[in-house]
N, C-alpha and C. Protein backbone atom coordinates (compact mmCIF):
# COMPACT_ATOMS: atom_id res chain seq x y z
N UNK A 1 0.85 -1.20 0.00
CA UNK A 1 0.00 0.00 0.00
C UNK A 1 0.88 1.24 0.00
N UNK A 2 0.47 2.26 -0.72
CA UNK A 2 1.26 3.47 -0.84
C UNK A 2 1.23 4.25 0.46
N UNK A 3 2.33 5.02 0.75
CA UNK A 3 2.30 5.90 1.90
C UNK A 3 1.83 7.27 1.46
N UNK A 4 1.70 8.21 2.42
CA UNK A 4 1.12 9.51 2.13
C UNK A 4 1.90 10.32 1.13
N UNK A 5 3.19 10.04 0.95
CA UNK A 5 4.00 10.84 0.04
C UNK A 5 3.91 10.35 -1.40
N UNK A 6 3.41 9.13 -1.58
CA UNK A 6 3.45 8.55 -2.92
C UNK A 6 2.08 7.98 -3.32
N UNK A 7 1.03 8.64 -2.89
CA UNK A 7 -0.30 8.15 -3.24
C UNK A 7 -0.51 8.18 -4.75
N UNK A 8 -1.09 7.13 -5.26
CA UNK A 8 -1.40 7.07 -6.68
C UNK A 8 -2.57 7.99 -6.98
N UNK A 9 -2.44 8.75 -8.05
CA UNK A 9 -3.51 9.67 -8.42
C UNK A 9 -4.58 8.98 -9.25
N UNK A 10 -5.83 9.29 -8.93
CA UNK A 10 -6.98 8.85 -9.71
C UNK A 10 -7.75 10.11 -10.10
N UNK A 11 -8.02 10.25 -11.38
CA UNK A 11 -8.69 11.45 -11.89
C UNK A 11 -10.19 11.21 -11.94
N UNK A 12 -10.97 12.16 -11.44
CA UNK A 12 -12.43 12.08 -11.53
C UNK A 12 -12.88 12.81 -12.79
N UNK A 13 -13.54 12.08 -13.67
CA UNK A 13 -13.94 12.64 -14.97
C UNK A 13 -15.27 13.36 -14.86
N UNK A 14 -15.26 14.52 -14.19
CA UNK A 14 -16.45 15.35 -14.13
C UNK A 14 -16.06 16.81 -14.01
N UNK A 15 -16.88 17.68 -14.58
CA UNK A 15 -16.68 19.12 -14.42
C UNK A 15 -17.70 19.68 -13.43
N UNK A 16 -18.49 18.80 -12.80
CA UNK A 16 -19.50 19.20 -11.82
C UNK A 16 -18.85 19.27 -10.44
N UNK A 17 -18.70 20.45 -9.85
CA UNK A 17 -18.00 20.56 -8.57
C UNK A 17 -18.70 19.83 -7.43
N UNK A 18 -20.04 19.79 -7.45
CA UNK A 18 -20.76 19.06 -6.42
C UNK A 18 -20.49 17.57 -6.49
N UNK A 19 -20.47 17.04 -7.70
CA UNK A 19 -20.19 15.62 -7.88
C UNK A 19 -18.75 15.29 -7.47
N UNK A 20 -17.80 16.16 -7.82
CA UNK A 20 -16.40 15.94 -7.45
C UNK A 20 -16.25 15.90 -5.93
N UNK A 21 -16.91 16.84 -5.22
CA UNK A 21 -16.84 16.85 -3.75
C UNK A 21 -17.38 15.54 -3.18
N UNK A 22 -18.50 15.08 -3.71
CA UNK A 22 -19.09 13.85 -3.20
C UNK A 22 -18.18 12.65 -3.43
N UNK A 23 -17.62 12.53 -4.61
CA UNK A 23 -16.77 11.38 -4.91
C UNK A 23 -15.51 11.41 -4.06
N UNK A 24 -14.95 12.59 -3.86
CA UNK A 24 -13.78 12.71 -2.97
C UNK A 24 -14.13 12.25 -1.56
N UNK A 25 -15.30 12.64 -1.07
CA UNK A 25 -15.71 12.25 0.28
C UNK A 25 -15.97 10.74 0.36
N UNK A 26 -16.63 10.19 -0.65
CA UNK A 26 -16.95 8.76 -0.65
C UNK A 26 -15.68 7.91 -0.66
N UNK A 27 -14.69 8.35 -1.44
CA UNK A 27 -13.45 7.59 -1.59
C UNK A 27 -12.35 8.06 -0.63
N UNK A 28 -12.73 8.95 0.29
CA UNK A 28 -11.72 9.60 1.12
C UNK A 28 -10.88 8.68 1.98
N UNK A 29 -11.39 7.51 2.35
CA UNK A 29 -10.64 6.60 3.21
C UNK A 29 -9.67 5.72 2.43
N UNK A 30 -9.76 5.73 1.12
CA UNK A 30 -8.84 4.92 0.33
C UNK A 30 -7.49 5.61 0.20
N UNK A 31 -6.40 4.85 0.16
CA UNK A 31 -5.06 5.43 0.05
C UNK A 31 -4.75 5.88 -1.38
N UNK A 32 -5.52 6.82 -1.88
CA UNK A 32 -5.39 7.34 -3.23
C UNK A 32 -5.55 8.85 -3.20
N UNK A 33 -4.91 9.53 -4.15
CA UNK A 33 -5.09 10.98 -4.30
C UNK A 33 -6.15 11.20 -5.37
N UNK A 34 -7.30 11.73 -4.97
CA UNK A 34 -8.42 11.93 -5.88
C UNK A 34 -8.33 13.35 -6.44
N UNK A 35 -8.08 13.48 -7.75
CA UNK A 35 -7.88 14.79 -8.36
C UNK A 35 -8.97 15.05 -9.39
N UNK A 36 -9.18 16.33 -9.68
CA UNK A 36 -10.22 16.72 -10.62
C UNK A 36 -9.72 16.85 -12.04
N UNK A 37 -10.62 17.21 -12.93
CA UNK A 37 -10.29 17.33 -14.36
C UNK A 37 -9.29 18.43 -14.66
N UNK A 38 -9.13 19.38 -13.71
CA UNK A 38 -8.16 20.44 -13.95
C UNK A 38 -6.74 19.90 -14.00
N UNK A 39 -6.56 18.64 -13.61
CA UNK A 39 -5.24 18.00 -13.68
C UNK A 39 -4.96 17.43 -15.07
N UNK A 40 -5.94 17.50 -15.96
CA UNK A 40 -5.80 16.92 -17.31
C UNK A 40 -6.16 17.98 -18.35
N UNK A 41 -5.34 18.13 -19.34
CA UNK A 41 -5.57 19.15 -20.37
C UNK A 41 -6.32 18.57 -21.57
N UNK A 42 -7.24 19.38 -22.10
CA UNK A 42 -7.86 19.11 -23.40
C UNK A 42 -8.51 17.73 -23.50
N UNK A 43 -9.36 17.42 -22.57
CA UNK A 43 -10.12 16.17 -22.65
C UNK A 43 -11.43 16.46 -23.38
N UNK A 44 -11.74 15.64 -24.35
CA UNK A 44 -12.99 15.80 -25.11
C UNK A 44 -13.85 14.55 -24.90
N UNK A 45 -15.07 14.76 -24.41
CA UNK A 45 -15.98 13.66 -24.17
C UNK A 45 -16.94 13.51 -25.35
N UNK A 46 -17.22 12.27 -25.76
CA UNK A 46 -18.25 12.08 -26.79
C UNK A 46 -19.62 12.43 -26.23
N UNK A 47 -20.56 12.70 -27.12
CA UNK A 47 -21.92 13.02 -26.69
C UNK A 47 -22.52 11.83 -25.96
N UNK A 48 -23.21 12.13 -24.84
CA UNK A 48 -23.77 11.05 -24.04
C UNK A 48 -25.04 10.51 -24.67
N UNK A 49 -25.25 9.21 -24.45
CA UNK A 49 -26.43 8.55 -24.99
C UNK A 49 -27.41 8.16 -23.90
N UNK A 50 -28.11 7.05 -24.11
CA UNK A 50 -29.20 6.64 -23.23
C UNK A 50 -28.86 5.41 -22.39
N UNK A 51 -27.59 5.18 -22.12
CA UNK A 51 -27.17 4.02 -21.34
C UNK A 51 -26.17 4.47 -20.28
N UNK A 52 -26.53 4.28 -19.01
CA UNK A 52 -25.67 4.74 -17.92
C UNK A 52 -24.26 4.16 -18.02
N UNK A 53 -24.19 2.84 -18.20
CA UNK A 53 -22.88 2.19 -18.19
C UNK A 53 -22.01 2.66 -19.35
N UNK A 54 -22.60 2.75 -20.53
CA UNK A 54 -21.82 3.20 -21.69
C UNK A 54 -21.32 4.62 -21.50
N UNK A 55 -22.17 5.49 -20.96
CA UNK A 55 -21.76 6.88 -20.73
C UNK A 55 -20.61 6.96 -19.73
N UNK A 56 -20.72 6.20 -18.62
CA UNK A 56 -19.67 6.22 -17.61
C UNK A 56 -18.37 5.67 -18.18
N UNK A 57 -18.46 4.60 -18.93
CA UNK A 57 -17.26 3.98 -19.52
C UNK A 57 -16.49 4.95 -20.42
N UNK A 58 -17.21 5.60 -21.33
CA UNK A 58 -16.51 6.43 -22.30
C UNK A 58 -15.85 7.64 -21.63
N UNK A 59 -16.50 8.18 -20.59
CA UNK A 59 -15.90 9.31 -19.88
C UNK A 59 -14.62 8.88 -19.15
N UNK A 60 -14.69 7.75 -18.44
CA UNK A 60 -13.51 7.27 -17.72
C UNK A 60 -12.39 6.91 -18.68
N UNK A 61 -12.74 6.26 -19.79
CA UNK A 61 -11.71 5.86 -20.76
C UNK A 61 -11.06 7.07 -21.42
N UNK A 62 -11.86 8.10 -21.71
CA UNK A 62 -11.30 9.30 -22.35
C UNK A 62 -10.27 9.96 -21.45
N UNK A 63 -10.56 10.05 -20.15
CA UNK A 63 -9.64 10.72 -19.23
C UNK A 63 -8.43 9.85 -18.96
N UNK A 64 -8.62 8.54 -18.79
CA UNK A 64 -7.49 7.65 -18.55
C UNK A 64 -6.53 7.66 -19.74
N UNK A 65 -7.09 7.61 -20.94
CA UNK A 65 -6.26 7.61 -22.14
C UNK A 65 -5.48 8.92 -22.28
N UNK A 66 -6.15 10.03 -22.00
CA UNK A 66 -5.52 11.34 -22.16
C UNK A 66 -4.48 11.61 -21.08
N UNK A 67 -4.77 11.18 -19.85
CA UNK A 67 -3.90 11.53 -18.72
C UNK A 67 -2.82 10.50 -18.43
N UNK A 68 -3.02 9.26 -18.89
CA UNK A 68 -2.08 8.20 -18.54
C UNK A 68 -2.24 7.73 -17.11
N UNK A 69 -3.33 8.13 -16.48
CA UNK A 69 -3.60 7.76 -15.09
C UNK A 69 -4.96 7.07 -15.01
N UNK A 70 -5.19 6.28 -13.97
CA UNK A 70 -6.52 5.71 -13.80
C UNK A 70 -7.54 6.82 -13.61
N UNK A 71 -8.74 6.59 -14.09
CA UNK A 71 -9.80 7.60 -14.00
C UNK A 71 -11.11 6.94 -13.61
N UNK A 72 -11.91 7.68 -12.85
CA UNK A 72 -13.25 7.22 -12.51
C UNK A 72 -14.26 8.21 -13.07
N UNK A 73 -15.40 7.70 -13.42
CA UNK A 73 -16.50 8.53 -13.92
C UNK A 73 -17.80 7.87 -13.50
N UNK A 74 -18.86 8.65 -13.52
CA UNK A 74 -20.15 8.02 -13.30
C UNK A 74 -21.18 8.65 -14.23
N UNK A 75 -22.23 7.92 -14.46
CA UNK A 75 -23.39 8.48 -15.11
C UNK A 75 -24.57 8.17 -14.22
N UNK A 76 -25.31 9.20 -13.89
CA UNK A 76 -26.40 9.07 -12.93
C UNK A 76 -27.68 9.63 -13.51
N UNK A 77 -28.79 9.19 -12.96
CA UNK A 77 -30.07 9.71 -13.42
C UNK A 77 -31.16 9.48 -12.42
N UNK A 78 -32.24 10.20 -12.61
CA UNK A 78 -33.45 10.06 -11.81
C UNK A 78 -34.50 9.37 -12.67
N UNK A 79 -35.09 8.32 -12.14
CA UNK A 79 -36.12 7.58 -12.86
C UNK A 79 -37.43 7.68 -12.08
N UNK A 80 -38.45 8.27 -12.70
CA UNK A 80 -39.74 8.49 -12.06
C UNK A 80 -40.75 7.49 -12.62
N UNK A 81 -41.42 6.79 -11.72
CA UNK A 81 -42.35 5.73 -12.15
C UNK A 81 -43.43 6.26 -13.07
N UNK A 82 -44.06 7.37 -12.70
CA UNK A 82 -45.17 7.90 -13.49
C UNK A 82 -44.76 8.53 -14.80
N UNK A 83 -43.46 8.69 -15.01
CA UNK A 83 -42.95 9.22 -16.28
C UNK A 83 -42.30 8.12 -17.11
N UNK A 84 -42.60 6.87 -16.78
CA UNK A 84 -42.06 5.75 -17.54
C UNK A 84 -40.56 5.61 -17.41
N UNK A 85 -40.00 6.04 -16.28
CA UNK A 85 -38.55 5.94 -16.07
C UNK A 85 -37.78 7.18 -16.48
N UNK A 86 -38.46 8.16 -17.05
CA UNK A 86 -37.80 9.42 -17.40
C UNK A 86 -37.55 10.22 -16.12
N UNK A 87 -36.59 11.14 -16.18
CA UNK A 87 -35.72 11.49 -17.30
C UNK A 87 -34.55 10.53 -17.52
N UNK A 88 -34.25 9.64 -16.58
CA UNK A 88 -33.24 8.61 -16.78
C UNK A 88 -31.86 9.15 -17.12
N UNK A 89 -31.16 8.49 -18.07
CA UNK A 89 -29.80 8.92 -18.42
C UNK A 89 -29.72 10.34 -18.98
N UNK A 90 -30.85 10.92 -19.32
CA UNK A 90 -30.85 12.29 -19.82
C UNK A 90 -31.21 13.30 -18.73
N UNK A 91 -31.09 12.89 -17.48
CA UNK A 91 -31.49 13.76 -16.36
C UNK A 91 -30.76 15.09 -16.36
N UNK A 92 -29.47 15.08 -16.68
CA UNK A 92 -28.68 16.32 -16.65
C UNK A 92 -29.03 17.25 -17.80
N UNK A 93 -29.78 16.74 -18.78
CA UNK A 93 -30.16 17.55 -19.95
C UNK A 93 -31.67 17.71 -20.05
N UNK A 94 -32.38 17.29 -19.03
CA UNK A 94 -33.84 17.28 -19.04
C UNK A 94 -34.38 18.70 -19.18
N UNK A 95 -35.24 18.88 -20.15
CA UNK A 95 -35.84 20.19 -20.39
C UNK A 95 -35.03 21.08 -21.31
N UNK A 96 -33.85 20.61 -21.74
CA UNK A 96 -33.05 21.40 -22.67
C UNK A 96 -31.77 21.92 -22.04
N UNK A 97 -30.77 22.23 -22.87
CA UNK A 97 -29.44 22.62 -22.37
C UNK A 97 -29.40 23.97 -21.68
N UNK A 98 -30.42 24.79 -21.85
CA UNK A 98 -30.40 26.14 -21.25
C UNK A 98 -30.74 26.12 -19.77
N UNK A 99 -31.28 25.02 -19.25
CA UNK A 99 -31.74 24.98 -17.87
C UNK A 99 -30.59 24.66 -16.90
N UNK A 100 -30.62 25.31 -15.72
CA UNK A 100 -29.72 24.95 -14.64
C UNK A 100 -30.44 23.96 -13.73
N UNK A 101 -29.81 23.60 -12.58
CA UNK A 101 -30.42 22.61 -11.69
C UNK A 101 -31.83 23.02 -11.29
N UNK A 102 -32.01 24.27 -10.88
CA UNK A 102 -33.32 24.74 -10.44
C UNK A 102 -34.33 24.69 -11.58
N UNK A 103 -33.90 25.01 -12.78
CA UNK A 103 -34.78 24.96 -13.94
C UNK A 103 -35.21 23.55 -14.26
N UNK A 104 -34.28 22.58 -14.13
CA UNK A 104 -34.65 21.19 -14.40
C UNK A 104 -35.62 20.67 -13.34
N UNK A 105 -35.42 21.07 -12.08
CA UNK A 105 -36.35 20.67 -11.02
C UNK A 105 -37.74 21.23 -11.31
N UNK A 106 -37.80 22.51 -11.69
CA UNK A 106 -39.08 23.13 -12.00
C UNK A 106 -39.75 22.43 -13.19
N UNK A 107 -38.97 22.08 -14.19
CA UNK A 107 -39.51 21.37 -15.36
C UNK A 107 -40.05 20.01 -14.95
N UNK A 108 -39.32 19.29 -14.10
CA UNK A 108 -39.78 17.99 -13.63
C UNK A 108 -41.11 18.12 -12.89
N UNK A 109 -41.19 19.07 -11.97
CA UNK A 109 -42.43 19.24 -11.20
C UNK A 109 -43.60 19.61 -12.10
N UNK A 110 -43.35 20.40 -13.13
CA UNK A 110 -44.41 20.75 -14.08
C UNK A 110 -44.90 19.51 -14.82
N UNK A 111 -43.96 18.65 -15.22
CA UNK A 111 -44.32 17.43 -15.94
C UNK A 111 -45.10 16.47 -15.05
N UNK A 112 -44.92 16.61 -13.72
CA UNK A 112 -45.53 15.68 -12.78
C UNK A 112 -46.76 16.24 -12.09
N UNK A 113 -47.27 17.36 -12.54
CA UNK A 113 -48.40 18.02 -11.87
C UNK A 113 -49.60 17.11 -11.67
N UNK A 114 -49.86 16.24 -12.62
CA UNK A 114 -51.06 15.40 -12.54
C UNK A 114 -50.78 14.04 -11.89
N UNK A 115 -49.56 13.82 -11.43
CA UNK A 115 -49.19 12.52 -10.87
C UNK A 115 -49.34 12.51 -9.36
N UNK A 116 -49.86 11.39 -8.83
CA UNK A 116 -50.04 11.25 -7.39
C UNK A 116 -49.75 9.81 -6.99
N UNK A 117 -49.64 9.58 -5.67
CA UNK A 117 -49.46 8.22 -5.15
C UNK A 117 -48.23 7.54 -5.69
N UNK A 118 -48.40 6.26 -6.10
CA UNK A 118 -47.27 5.46 -6.56
C UNK A 118 -46.61 6.04 -7.81
N UNK A 119 -47.33 6.86 -8.56
CA UNK A 119 -46.76 7.45 -9.77
C UNK A 119 -45.61 8.40 -9.44
N UNK A 120 -45.55 8.87 -8.19
CA UNK A 120 -44.48 9.77 -7.78
C UNK A 120 -43.28 9.01 -7.20
N UNK A 121 -43.37 7.69 -7.16
CA UNK A 121 -42.21 6.90 -6.72
C UNK A 121 -41.07 7.09 -7.72
N UNK A 122 -39.85 7.06 -7.21
CA UNK A 122 -38.69 7.33 -8.07
C UNK A 122 -37.46 6.65 -7.49
N UNK A 123 -36.43 6.62 -8.28
CA UNK A 123 -35.14 6.13 -7.79
C UNK A 123 -34.03 6.89 -8.48
N UNK A 124 -32.96 7.13 -7.74
CA UNK A 124 -31.72 7.61 -8.33
C UNK A 124 -30.91 6.38 -8.72
N UNK A 125 -30.29 6.41 -9.88
CA UNK A 125 -29.44 5.33 -10.38
C UNK A 125 -28.08 5.90 -10.72
N UNK A 126 -27.03 5.15 -10.38
CA UNK A 126 -25.67 5.56 -10.74
C UNK A 126 -24.89 4.34 -11.22
N UNK A 127 -24.20 4.48 -12.32
CA UNK A 127 -23.20 3.49 -12.72
C UNK A 127 -21.84 4.20 -12.70
N UNK A 128 -20.94 3.67 -11.90
CA UNK A 128 -19.59 4.21 -11.80
C UNK A 128 -18.63 3.33 -12.59
N UNK A 129 -17.65 3.95 -13.21
CA UNK A 129 -16.66 3.21 -14.00
C UNK A 129 -15.26 3.61 -13.60
N UNK A 130 -14.38 2.65 -13.56
CA UNK A 130 -12.95 2.86 -13.35
C UNK A 130 -12.23 2.37 -14.59
N UNK A 131 -11.44 3.23 -15.20
CA UNK A 131 -10.66 2.87 -16.39
C UNK A 131 -9.19 3.13 -16.13
N UNK A 132 -8.34 2.24 -16.63
CA UNK A 132 -6.90 2.45 -16.54
C UNK A 132 -6.35 2.84 -17.90
N UNK A 133 -5.16 3.41 -17.88
CA UNK A 133 -4.52 3.80 -19.14
C UNK A 133 -4.21 2.58 -20.00
N UNK A 134 -4.15 1.41 -19.37
CA UNK A 134 -3.87 0.18 -20.10
C UNK A 134 -5.12 -0.41 -20.74
N UNK A 135 -6.28 0.17 -20.47
CA UNK A 135 -7.50 -0.27 -21.13
C UNK A 135 -8.45 -1.09 -20.30
N UNK A 136 -8.10 -1.39 -19.05
CA UNK A 136 -9.02 -2.14 -18.19
C UNK A 136 -10.17 -1.23 -17.76
N UNK A 137 -11.40 -1.75 -17.74
CA UNK A 137 -12.56 -1.00 -17.28
C UNK A 137 -13.37 -1.88 -16.34
N UNK A 138 -13.71 -1.33 -15.18
CA UNK A 138 -14.56 -2.02 -14.21
C UNK A 138 -15.73 -1.09 -13.91
N UNK A 139 -16.94 -1.64 -13.82
CA UNK A 139 -18.11 -0.80 -13.52
C UNK A 139 -18.88 -1.37 -12.33
N UNK A 140 -19.66 -0.50 -11.69
CA UNK A 140 -20.52 -0.91 -10.58
C UNK A 140 -21.76 -0.02 -10.58
N UNK A 141 -22.86 -0.57 -10.08
CA UNK A 141 -24.14 0.14 -10.10
C UNK A 141 -24.66 0.35 -8.67
N UNK A 142 -25.28 1.49 -8.43
CA UNK A 142 -25.92 1.77 -7.16
C UNK A 142 -27.26 2.43 -7.38
N UNK A 143 -28.21 2.20 -6.46
CA UNK A 143 -29.53 2.80 -6.55
C UNK A 143 -29.97 3.32 -5.19
N UNK A 144 -30.85 4.32 -5.20
CA UNK A 144 -31.45 4.85 -3.99
C UNK A 144 -32.92 5.13 -4.29
N UNK A 145 -33.81 4.51 -3.52
CA UNK A 145 -35.25 4.62 -3.78
C UNK A 145 -35.86 5.79 -2.99
N UNK A 146 -36.97 6.31 -3.53
CA UNK A 146 -37.66 7.39 -2.85
C UNK A 146 -38.90 7.81 -3.63
N UNK A 147 -39.26 9.07 -3.47
CA UNK A 147 -40.42 9.61 -4.18
C UNK A 147 -40.15 11.09 -4.45
N UNK A 148 -40.90 11.66 -5.39
CA UNK A 148 -40.73 13.08 -5.74
C UNK A 148 -41.72 13.93 -4.95
N UNK A 149 -41.18 14.88 -4.20
CA UNK A 149 -42.00 15.81 -3.45
C UNK A 149 -42.66 16.81 -4.39
N UNK A 150 -43.68 17.49 -3.89
CA UNK A 150 -44.38 18.48 -4.72
C UNK A 150 -43.66 19.82 -4.74
N UNK A 151 -42.80 20.08 -3.75
CA UNK A 151 -42.05 21.33 -3.70
C UNK A 151 -40.62 21.04 -3.27
N UNK A 152 -39.64 21.78 -3.79
CA UNK A 152 -38.26 21.58 -3.36
C UNK A 152 -38.03 22.10 -1.95
N UNK A 153 -37.16 21.40 -1.21
CA UNK A 153 -36.77 21.81 0.15
C UNK A 153 -35.29 21.51 0.34
N UNK A 154 -34.67 22.21 1.31
CA UNK A 154 -33.28 21.92 1.66
C UNK A 154 -32.28 22.71 0.85
N UNK A 155 -31.10 22.82 1.41
CA UNK A 155 -30.03 23.61 0.80
C UNK A 155 -28.84 22.77 0.37
N UNK A 156 -28.84 21.49 0.68
CA UNK A 156 -27.67 20.66 0.39
C UNK A 156 -27.75 19.99 -0.97
N UNK A 157 -26.68 19.26 -1.30
CA UNK A 157 -26.65 18.48 -2.52
C UNK A 157 -26.71 19.33 -3.78
N UNK A 158 -27.21 18.73 -4.85
CA UNK A 158 -27.32 19.41 -6.13
C UNK A 158 -28.29 18.62 -6.99
N UNK A 159 -28.55 19.10 -8.19
CA UNK A 159 -29.43 18.39 -9.10
C UNK A 159 -30.85 18.30 -8.56
N UNK A 160 -31.39 17.08 -8.54
CA UNK A 160 -32.77 16.85 -8.12
C UNK A 160 -32.91 16.59 -6.62
N UNK A 161 -31.83 16.74 -5.86
CA UNK A 161 -31.86 16.44 -4.43
C UNK A 161 -32.97 17.18 -3.67
N UNK A 162 -33.32 18.45 -4.02
CA UNK A 162 -34.36 19.14 -3.24
C UNK A 162 -35.76 18.56 -3.38
N UNK A 163 -36.02 17.75 -4.40
CA UNK A 163 -37.36 17.18 -4.55
C UNK A 163 -37.38 15.66 -4.38
N UNK A 164 -36.24 15.06 -4.08
CA UNK A 164 -36.19 13.60 -3.92
C UNK A 164 -36.26 13.25 -2.45
N UNK A 165 -37.41 12.73 -2.02
CA UNK A 165 -37.60 12.31 -0.64
C UNK A 165 -37.14 10.86 -0.50
N UNK A 166 -36.19 10.66 0.40
CA UNK A 166 -35.56 9.36 0.55
C UNK A 166 -36.54 8.35 1.15
N UNK A 167 -36.52 7.13 0.63
CA UNK A 167 -37.39 6.07 1.14
C UNK A 167 -37.11 5.84 2.63
N UNK A 168 -38.18 5.63 3.41
CA UNK A 168 -38.09 5.41 4.86
C UNK A 168 -37.57 6.62 5.60
N UNK A 169 -37.71 7.81 5.02
CA UNK A 169 -37.28 9.05 5.65
C UNK A 169 -38.28 10.12 5.21
N UNK A 170 -38.49 11.12 6.02
CA UNK A 170 -39.40 12.19 5.63
C UNK A 170 -38.67 13.36 5.00
N UNK A 171 -37.33 13.26 4.91
CA UNK A 171 -36.53 14.36 4.40
C UNK A 171 -36.18 14.18 2.93
N UNK A 172 -35.97 15.31 2.27
CA UNK A 172 -35.44 15.29 0.91
C UNK A 172 -33.93 15.05 0.98
N UNK A 173 -33.35 14.58 -0.10
CA UNK A 173 -31.91 14.36 -0.15
C UNK A 173 -31.15 15.64 0.18
N UNK A 174 -31.71 16.79 -0.24
CA UNK A 174 -31.05 18.08 0.00
C UNK A 174 -31.07 18.49 1.47
N UNK A 175 -31.86 17.79 2.31
CA UNK A 175 -31.90 18.09 3.73
C UNK A 175 -30.94 17.21 4.54
N UNK A 176 -30.33 16.24 3.91
CA UNK A 176 -29.37 15.37 4.60
C UNK A 176 -28.02 16.07 4.72
N UNK A 177 -27.29 15.73 5.75
CA UNK A 177 -25.92 16.21 5.84
C UNK A 177 -25.09 15.49 4.77
N UNK A 178 -23.94 16.05 4.38
CA UNK A 178 -23.10 15.34 3.40
C UNK A 178 -22.74 13.93 3.85
N UNK A 179 -22.48 13.75 5.15
CA UNK A 179 -22.12 12.42 5.65
C UNK A 179 -23.30 11.45 5.51
N UNK A 180 -24.51 11.93 5.83
CA UNK A 180 -25.70 11.08 5.69
C UNK A 180 -25.92 10.71 4.23
N UNK A 181 -25.82 11.70 3.36
CA UNK A 181 -26.04 11.42 1.94
C UNK A 181 -25.03 10.41 1.42
N UNK A 182 -23.78 10.55 1.86
CA UNK A 182 -22.73 9.68 1.35
C UNK A 182 -22.77 8.28 1.96
N UNK A 183 -23.70 8.04 2.87
CA UNK A 183 -23.92 6.67 3.35
C UNK A 183 -24.97 5.95 2.52
N UNK A 184 -25.93 6.70 1.98
CA UNK A 184 -27.09 6.01 1.38
C UNK A 184 -27.32 6.32 -0.10
N UNK A 185 -26.59 7.26 -0.66
CA UNK A 185 -26.90 7.69 -2.02
C UNK A 185 -26.52 6.63 -3.06
N UNK A 186 -27.14 6.75 -4.21
CA UNK A 186 -26.83 5.89 -5.35
C UNK A 186 -25.36 5.99 -5.73
N UNK A 187 -24.81 7.20 -5.69
CA UNK A 187 -23.41 7.40 -6.06
C UNK A 187 -22.48 6.73 -5.04
N UNK A 188 -22.81 6.89 -3.77
CA UNK A 188 -21.99 6.26 -2.73
C UNK A 188 -21.99 4.74 -2.89
N UNK A 189 -23.15 4.17 -3.16
CA UNK A 189 -23.23 2.72 -3.30
C UNK A 189 -22.44 2.22 -4.50
N UNK A 190 -22.51 2.96 -5.60
CA UNK A 190 -21.77 2.54 -6.79
C UNK A 190 -20.26 2.65 -6.59
N UNK A 191 -19.80 3.77 -6.03
CA UNK A 191 -18.36 3.94 -5.87
C UNK A 191 -17.79 3.04 -4.77
N UNK A 192 -18.57 2.77 -3.72
CA UNK A 192 -18.08 1.82 -2.71
C UNK A 192 -17.91 0.44 -3.32
N UNK A 193 -18.79 0.10 -4.27
CA UNK A 193 -18.67 -1.19 -4.94
C UNK A 193 -17.42 -1.27 -5.82
N UNK A 194 -16.85 -0.11 -6.17
CA UNK A 194 -15.61 -0.08 -6.96
C UNK A 194 -14.36 -0.11 -6.07
N UNK A 195 -14.54 -0.08 -4.76
CA UNK A 195 -13.40 0.08 -3.86
C UNK A 195 -12.33 -0.99 -4.03
N UNK A 196 -12.78 -2.24 -4.20
CA UNK A 196 -11.80 -3.32 -4.34
C UNK A 196 -10.91 -3.11 -5.55
N UNK A 197 -11.52 -2.73 -6.68
CA UNK A 197 -10.75 -2.47 -7.88
C UNK A 197 -9.81 -1.27 -7.68
N UNK A 198 -10.31 -0.22 -7.01
CA UNK A 198 -9.48 0.95 -6.75
C UNK A 198 -8.30 0.62 -5.84
N UNK A 199 -8.52 -0.25 -4.86
CA UNK A 199 -7.46 -0.61 -3.93
C UNK A 199 -6.32 -1.35 -4.62
N UNK A 200 -6.62 -2.01 -5.72
CA UNK A 200 -5.55 -2.69 -6.46
C UNK A 200 -4.56 -1.68 -7.03
N UNK A 201 -4.98 -0.41 -7.15
CA UNK A 201 -4.10 0.63 -7.70
C UNK A 201 -3.20 1.24 -6.63
N UNK A 202 -3.54 1.04 -5.36
CA UNK A 202 -2.84 1.74 -4.28
C UNK A 202 -1.49 1.11 -3.96
C-alpha cells in the first residue's frame, strides 16, 4: 500500500464541482489521491447517450487515455415511475441545455403536476466506471429509492436532491448532511462497490 508521500492519483472525470466533492468524500478513506479534471488538459468527451454504463465507460476511458492515469466517472439519473422511467440517463439535460439545476427541477415538477401516489415513486441510479490507461474497465451500479416531493426543500446536494424524498425518511436528499447522503446515495453505493478495484491501484 502506498504511503502519504506517494499516493497514486486517480482522476475524476467530471466538471460538476458538487459531484467531485461527493466522490472525494466517498473515496476519502482509500489510500489514493483523488484529483479533478483540472489536472488533465484538453479532454474531449463524446456526446452522451441513453445508457448509464456506456456513458460512464466512455468518460472514464477518455480521461485515462488522455492523462495516462486511472480515471473514474459516473453516469447518474433520476427515474420516475409515473414518467415511464424518465428522465433517466438524460437527467442532466432534461428540459433542454439552457436549464440549470433549479430549472430542471421546475420542469420535472411541471411534468408531474397530474401525478399522485405510486406514480411519484422514483429512484436515483448511478453506474460508476474505473478505467486504466492500459484499457481495463470495471463498472458498478448503485440505486437509492424514494419519491418526488411536490415542492423543493433543503439547501444541500445538487441536481434533483431538493425534490427527492428518501425512502423510509421524511426528508429530501437536499436536507441530509453530506455524511448522511454519502452513506445512502446511489453514487456512494456505486463507488463503494468499486473500492476493491481501486485498492488494487494503491
